[in-house]
Amino acid sequence: MRELGTFAASEVLTNAYQFTPGRNASLTMRWRFGVLRLTVFDEHPAHSRGAQQACQARRRESLSTLDAMVSACGGIVGLDDAGGPLAGSKMWVAISREAARAYAAL
């Protein structure tokens, strides 16, 4: 769990700082019901509708290695707007014990 969790945390934090330089980002980690959940919020500025979709696509592309690795192990990677009352973006990774075992077997 430690290796996959560390990899996932570094990838989502790197994404936050790459796409939101000079602004705040926060990482929360929660272990509950055998699942490690990592959530990163950043202060990514709002875009017009078309620019928002293009930016989301670039951010998802930069998370593609993490998404492929975590998905192959049975975990989940997500990216969305933070939603009200927060502004910015929200990224999350959910890794179960089984996903960590599958990662260790790779």
N, C-alpha and C. Protein backbone atom coordinates (compact mmCIF):
# COMPACT_ATOMS: atom_id res chain seq x y z
N MET A 1 0.83 -1.19 0.00
CA MET A 1 0.00 0.00 0.00
C MET A 1 0.87 1.26 0.00
N ARG A 2 1.98 1.19 0.71
CA ARG A 2 2.83 2.38 0.84
C ARG A 2 3.37 2.82 -0.53
N GLU A 3 3.86 1.88 -1.33
CA GLU A 3 4.44 2.25 -2.62
C GLU A 3 3.41 2.84 -3.57
N LEU A 4 2.27 2.19 -3.69
CA LEU A 4 1.24 2.69 -4.58
C LEU A 4 0.66 4.01 -4.07
N GLY A 5 0.47 4.12 -2.77
CA GLY A 5 -0.03 5.37 -2.18
C GLY A 5 0.93 6.53 -2.39
N THR A 6 2.22 6.28 -2.23
CA THR A 6 3.23 7.31 -2.44
C THR A 6 3.25 7.74 -3.90
N PHE A 7 3.22 6.78 -4.81
CA PHE A 7 3.19 7.08 -6.24
C PHE A 7 1.97 7.91 -6.58
N ALA A 8 0.81 7.50 -6.10
CA ALA A 8 -0.44 8.21 -6.40
C ALA A 8 -0.42 9.63 -5.84
N ALA A 9 0.02 9.79 -4.59
CA ALA A 9 0.07 11.11 -3.98
C ALA A 9 1.00 12.04 -4.76
N SER A 10 2.16 11.53 -5.16
CA SER A 10 3.10 12.37 -5.90
C SER A 10 2.54 12.78 -7.25
N GLU A 11 1.82 11.89 -7.90
CA GLU A 11 1.25 12.21 -9.22
C GLU A 11 0.14 13.26 -9.13
N VAL A 12 -0.78 13.12 -8.18
CA VAL A 12 -1.87 14.09 -8.10
C VAL A 12 -1.38 15.45 -7.59
N LEU A 13 -0.41 15.45 -6.68
CA LEU A 13 0.16 16.72 -6.24
C LEU A 13 0.95 17.40 -7.36
N THR A 14 1.71 16.62 -8.11
CA THR A 14 2.44 17.17 -9.24
C THR A 14 1.49 17.79 -10.24
N ASN A 15 0.38 17.11 -10.51
CA ASN A 15 -0.63 17.63 -11.43
C ASN A 15 -1.18 18.96 -10.91
N ALA A 16 -1.49 19.03 -9.64
CA ALA A 16 -2.02 20.27 -9.06
C ALA A 16 -1.04 21.42 -9.22
N TYR A 17 0.21 21.18 -8.93
CA TYR A 17 1.20 22.25 -9.03
C TYR A 17 1.56 22.57 -10.48
N GLN A 18 1.50 21.60 -11.36
CA GLN A 18 1.77 21.85 -12.77
C GLN A 18 0.71 22.73 -13.40
N PHE A 19 -0.55 22.48 -13.07
CA PHE A 19 -1.64 23.22 -13.69
C PHE A 19 -2.12 24.41 -12.87
N THR A 20 -1.60 24.57 -11.66
CA THR A 20 -2.00 25.70 -10.81
C THR A 20 -0.77 26.25 -10.11
N PRO A 21 0.23 26.70 -10.88
CA PRO A 21 1.47 27.16 -10.24
C PRO A 21 1.25 28.40 -9.38
N GLY A 22 1.95 28.44 -8.26
CA GLY A 22 1.88 29.59 -7.38
C GLY A 22 0.62 29.70 -6.55
N ARG A 23 -0.22 28.69 -6.60
CA ARG A 23 -1.46 28.70 -5.82
C ARG A 23 -1.44 27.54 -4.84
N ASN A 24 -2.37 27.54 -3.92
CA ASN A 24 -2.43 26.51 -2.89
C ASN A 24 -3.02 25.21 -3.41
N ALA A 25 -2.56 24.13 -2.81
CA ALA A 25 -3.12 22.81 -3.05
C ALA A 25 -3.12 22.08 -1.71
N SER A 26 -4.07 21.19 -1.52
CA SER A 26 -4.11 20.42 -0.27
C SER A 26 -4.30 18.95 -0.59
N LEU A 27 -3.68 18.12 0.21
CA LEU A 27 -3.80 16.67 0.09
C LEU A 27 -4.41 16.14 1.38
N THR A 28 -5.46 15.36 1.24
CA THR A 28 -6.00 14.65 2.40
C THR A 28 -5.92 13.16 2.12
N MET A 29 -5.65 12.42 3.17
CA MET A 29 -5.59 10.96 3.06
C MET A 29 -6.53 10.39 4.11
N ARG A 30 -7.28 9.37 3.71
CA ARG A 30 -8.21 8.73 4.64
C ARG A 30 -8.19 7.23 4.41
N TRP A 31 -8.07 6.49 5.48
CA TRP A 31 -8.13 5.03 5.44
C TRP A 31 -9.45 4.64 6.06
N ARG A 32 -10.31 4.01 5.29
CA ARG A 32 -11.62 3.62 5.81
C ARG A 32 -12.12 2.40 5.05
N PHE A 33 -12.58 1.41 5.80
CA PHE A 33 -13.13 0.18 5.23
C PHE A 33 -12.17 -0.50 4.26
N GLY A 34 -10.88 -0.46 4.59
CA GLY A 34 -9.89 -1.13 3.76
C GLY A 34 -9.55 -0.43 2.46
N VAL A 35 -9.88 0.86 2.37
CA VAL A 35 -9.60 1.64 1.16
C VAL A 35 -8.85 2.91 1.56
N LEU A 36 -7.73 3.16 0.89
CA LEU A 36 -7.00 4.41 1.05
C LEU A 36 -7.54 5.40 0.03
N ARG A 37 -7.98 6.54 0.52
CA ARG A 37 -8.50 7.59 -0.37
C ARG A 37 -7.60 8.80 -0.26
N LEU A 38 -7.07 9.24 -1.40
CA LEU A 38 -6.25 10.45 -1.48
C LEU A 38 -7.05 11.47 -2.26
N THR A 39 -7.16 12.68 -1.72
CA THR A 39 -7.90 13.74 -2.40
C THR A 39 -7.05 14.99 -2.42
N VAL A 40 -6.92 15.60 -3.58
CA VAL A 40 -6.19 16.85 -3.73
C VAL A 40 -7.15 17.91 -4.27
N PHE A 41 -7.19 19.03 -3.57
CA PHE A 41 -7.92 20.21 -4.04
C PHE A 41 -6.88 21.24 -4.43
N ASP A 42 -7.11 21.93 -5.56
CA ASP A 42 -6.23 23.03 -5.93
C ASP A 42 -7.09 24.24 -6.27
N GLU A 43 -6.43 25.37 -6.47
CA GLU A 43 -7.13 26.63 -6.74
C GLU A 43 -7.08 26.97 -8.23
N HIS A 44 -7.27 25.97 -9.07
CA HIS A 44 -7.22 26.19 -10.51
C HIS A 44 -8.30 27.20 -10.91
N PRO A 45 -7.93 28.21 -11.69
CA PRO A 45 -8.91 29.23 -12.06
C PRO A 45 -9.98 28.69 -13.00
N ALA A 46 -11.12 29.32 -12.96
CA ALA A 46 -12.23 28.94 -13.85
C ALA A 46 -11.92 29.35 -15.28
N HIS A 47 -12.47 28.60 -16.22
CA HIS A 47 -12.30 28.88 -17.66
C HIS A 47 -13.67 29.00 -18.30
N SER A 48 -13.67 29.51 -19.53
CA SER A 48 -14.90 29.47 -20.32
C SER A 48 -15.19 28.00 -20.63
N ARG A 49 -16.39 27.69 -21.06
CA ARG A 49 -16.81 26.29 -21.27
C ARG A 49 -15.85 25.52 -22.19
N GLY A 50 -15.52 26.06 -23.33
CA GLY A 50 -14.64 25.38 -24.27
C GLY A 50 -13.23 25.22 -23.72
N ALA A 51 -12.72 26.27 -23.09
CA ALA A 51 -11.38 26.21 -22.51
C ALA A 51 -11.36 25.25 -21.33
N GLN A 52 -12.46 25.16 -20.59
CA GLN A 52 -12.55 24.24 -19.45
C GLN A 52 -12.41 22.80 -19.91
N GLN A 53 -13.09 22.43 -20.97
CA GLN A 53 -13.03 21.07 -21.49
C GLN A 53 -11.62 20.75 -21.99
N ALA A 54 -10.99 21.69 -22.67
CA ALA A 54 -9.62 21.48 -23.17
C ALA A 54 -8.64 21.33 -22.01
N CYS A 55 -8.81 22.16 -20.99
CA CYS A 55 -7.93 22.08 -19.82
C CYS A 55 -8.11 20.75 -19.09
N GLN A 56 -9.35 20.33 -18.91
CA GLN A 56 -9.63 19.03 -18.26
C GLN A 56 -8.98 17.89 -19.05
N ALA A 57 -9.04 17.97 -20.37
CA ALA A 57 -8.44 16.93 -21.21
C ALA A 57 -6.92 16.90 -21.03
N ARG A 58 -6.28 18.07 -20.95
CA ARG A 58 -4.83 18.11 -20.73
C ARG A 58 -4.48 17.57 -19.35
N ARG A 59 -5.28 17.90 -18.36
CA ARG A 59 -5.01 17.40 -17.00
C ARG A 59 -5.18 15.88 -16.94
N ARG A 60 -6.23 15.37 -17.56
CA ARG A 60 -6.44 13.92 -17.59
C ARG A 60 -5.29 13.21 -18.31
N GLU A 61 -4.82 13.81 -19.38
CA GLU A 61 -3.68 13.23 -20.12
C GLU A 61 -2.44 13.18 -19.22
N SER A 62 -2.23 14.21 -18.44
CA SER A 62 -1.05 14.21 -17.57
C SER A 62 -1.18 13.20 -16.42
N LEU A 63 -2.39 12.75 -16.16
CA LEU A 63 -2.64 11.71 -15.14
C LEU A 63 -2.75 10.31 -15.76
N SER A 64 -2.47 10.19 -17.05
CA SER A 64 -2.73 8.92 -17.74
C SER A 64 -1.88 7.76 -17.21
N THR A 65 -0.63 8.01 -16.84
CA THR A 65 0.20 6.93 -16.29
C THR A 65 -0.38 6.45 -14.96
N LEU A 66 -0.72 7.39 -14.09
CA LEU A 66 -1.33 7.03 -12.81
C LEU A 66 -2.65 6.30 -13.04
N ASP A 67 -3.48 6.81 -13.92
CA ASP A 67 -4.77 6.20 -14.18
C ASP A 67 -4.61 4.77 -14.71
N ALA A 68 -3.68 4.57 -15.62
CA ALA A 68 -3.45 3.23 -16.17
C ALA A 68 -2.98 2.27 -15.08
N MET A 69 -2.06 2.70 -14.26
CA MET A 69 -1.51 1.84 -13.21
C MET A 69 -2.58 1.50 -12.16
N VAL A 70 -3.25 2.52 -11.68
CA VAL A 70 -4.26 2.31 -10.63
C VAL A 70 -5.44 1.51 -11.18
N SER A 71 -5.89 1.81 -12.38
CA SER A 71 -7.01 1.07 -12.97
C SER A 71 -6.65 -0.39 -13.20
N ALA A 72 -5.43 -0.65 -13.64
CA ALA A 72 -4.99 -2.04 -13.86
C ALA A 72 -5.00 -2.85 -12.56
N CYS A 73 -4.85 -2.16 -11.45
CA CYS A 73 -4.85 -2.83 -10.15
C CYS A 73 -6.23 -2.88 -9.51
N GLY A 74 -7.20 -2.20 -10.10
CA GLY A 74 -8.55 -2.21 -9.55
C GLY A 74 -8.90 -0.99 -8.73
N GLY A 75 -8.10 0.06 -8.82
CA GLY A 75 -8.39 1.31 -8.10
C GLY A 75 -9.07 2.31 -9.01
N ILE A 76 -9.29 3.52 -8.49
CA ILE A 76 -10.00 4.56 -9.22
C ILE A 76 -9.22 5.86 -9.13
N VAL A 77 -9.13 6.57 -10.26
CA VAL A 77 -8.56 7.92 -10.33
C VAL A 77 -9.64 8.82 -10.90
N GLY A 78 -9.83 9.99 -10.29
CA GLY A 78 -10.84 10.91 -10.79
C GLY A 78 -10.35 12.34 -10.80
N LEU A 79 -10.98 13.15 -11.63
CA LEU A 79 -10.69 14.58 -11.75
C LEU A 79 -11.99 15.28 -12.07
N ASP A 80 -12.27 16.36 -11.33
CA ASP A 80 -13.50 17.11 -11.56
C ASP A 80 -13.32 18.51 -10.99
N ASP A 81 -14.30 19.37 -11.24
CA ASP A 81 -14.32 20.67 -10.58
C ASP A 81 -14.57 20.44 -9.10
N ALA A 82 -14.00 21.31 -8.28
CA ALA A 82 -14.16 21.15 -6.84
C ALA A 82 -15.62 21.32 -6.42
N GLY A 83 -16.36 22.12 -7.12
CA GLY A 83 -17.75 22.34 -6.77
C GLY A 83 -17.91 23.35 -5.65
N GLY A 84 -19.13 23.88 -5.52
CA GLY A 84 -19.38 24.90 -4.51
C GLY A 84 -19.33 24.37 -3.11
N PRO A 85 -18.95 25.15 -2.15
CA PRO A 85 -18.57 26.55 -2.28
C PRO A 85 -17.11 26.74 -2.68
N LEU A 86 -16.38 25.64 -2.91
CA LEU A 86 -14.98 25.74 -3.29
C LEU A 86 -14.83 26.04 -4.78
N ALA A 87 -13.74 26.66 -5.12
CA ALA A 87 -13.38 26.85 -6.52
C ALA A 87 -12.17 25.98 -6.80
N GLY A 88 -11.89 25.74 -8.05
CA GLY A 88 -10.71 24.96 -8.39
C GLY A 88 -11.05 23.57 -8.84
N SER A 89 -10.07 22.66 -8.66
CA SER A 89 -10.22 21.28 -9.12
C SER A 89 -10.06 20.32 -7.96
N LYS A 90 -10.62 19.14 -8.14
CA LYS A 90 -10.54 18.07 -7.17
C LYS A 90 -10.06 16.82 -7.91
N MET A 91 -9.01 16.20 -7.40
CA MET A 91 -8.52 14.93 -7.93
C MET A 91 -8.56 13.92 -6.80
N TRP A 92 -8.86 12.68 -7.12
CA TRP A 92 -8.88 11.67 -6.08
C TRP A 92 -8.38 10.34 -6.61
N VAL A 93 -7.88 9.56 -5.68
CA VAL A 93 -7.44 8.20 -5.97
C VAL A 93 -7.99 7.32 -4.85
N ALA A 94 -8.60 6.21 -5.21
CA ALA A 94 -9.09 5.24 -4.23
C ALA A 94 -8.40 3.91 -4.50
N ILE A 95 -7.72 3.41 -3.47
CA ILE A 95 -6.93 2.19 -3.61
C ILE A 95 -7.33 1.22 -2.50
N SER A 96 -7.84 0.08 -2.87
CA SER A 96 -8.21 -0.93 -1.88
C SER A 96 -6.99 -1.79 -1.55
N ARG A 97 -7.12 -2.59 -0.52
CA ARG A 97 -6.05 -3.54 -0.18
C ARG A 97 -5.77 -4.46 -1.36
N GLU A 98 -6.82 -4.90 -2.03
CA GLU A 98 -6.67 -5.79 -3.18
C GLU A 98 -5.91 -5.10 -4.31
N ALA A 99 -6.19 -3.81 -4.52
CA ALA A 99 -5.47 -3.06 -5.55
C ALA A 99 -3.99 -2.96 -5.20
N ALA A 100 -3.69 -2.73 -3.93
CA ALA A 100 -2.29 -2.65 -3.50
C ALA A 100 -1.58 -3.99 -3.69
N ARG A 101 -2.28 -5.08 -3.41
CA ARG A 101 -1.70 -6.41 -3.63
C ARG A 101 -1.43 -6.64 -5.12
N ALA A 102 -2.38 -6.24 -5.96
CA ALA A 102 -2.20 -6.41 -7.41
C ALA A 102 -1.03 -5.56 -7.90
N TYR A 103 -0.86 -4.36 -7.36
CA TYR A 103 0.27 -3.51 -7.71
C TYR A 103 1.59 -4.17 -7.30
N ALA A 104 1.63 -4.73 -6.11
CA ALA A 104 2.83 -5.39 -5.62
C ALA A 104 3.21 -6.58 -6.49
N ALA A 105 2.21 -7.21 -7.10
CA ALA A 105 2.47 -8.38 -7.94
C ALA A 105 2.97 -8.01 -9.34
N LEU A 106 2.85 -6.73 -9.71
CA LEU A 106 3.28 -6.31 -11.06
C LEU A 106 4.79 -6.35 -11.20
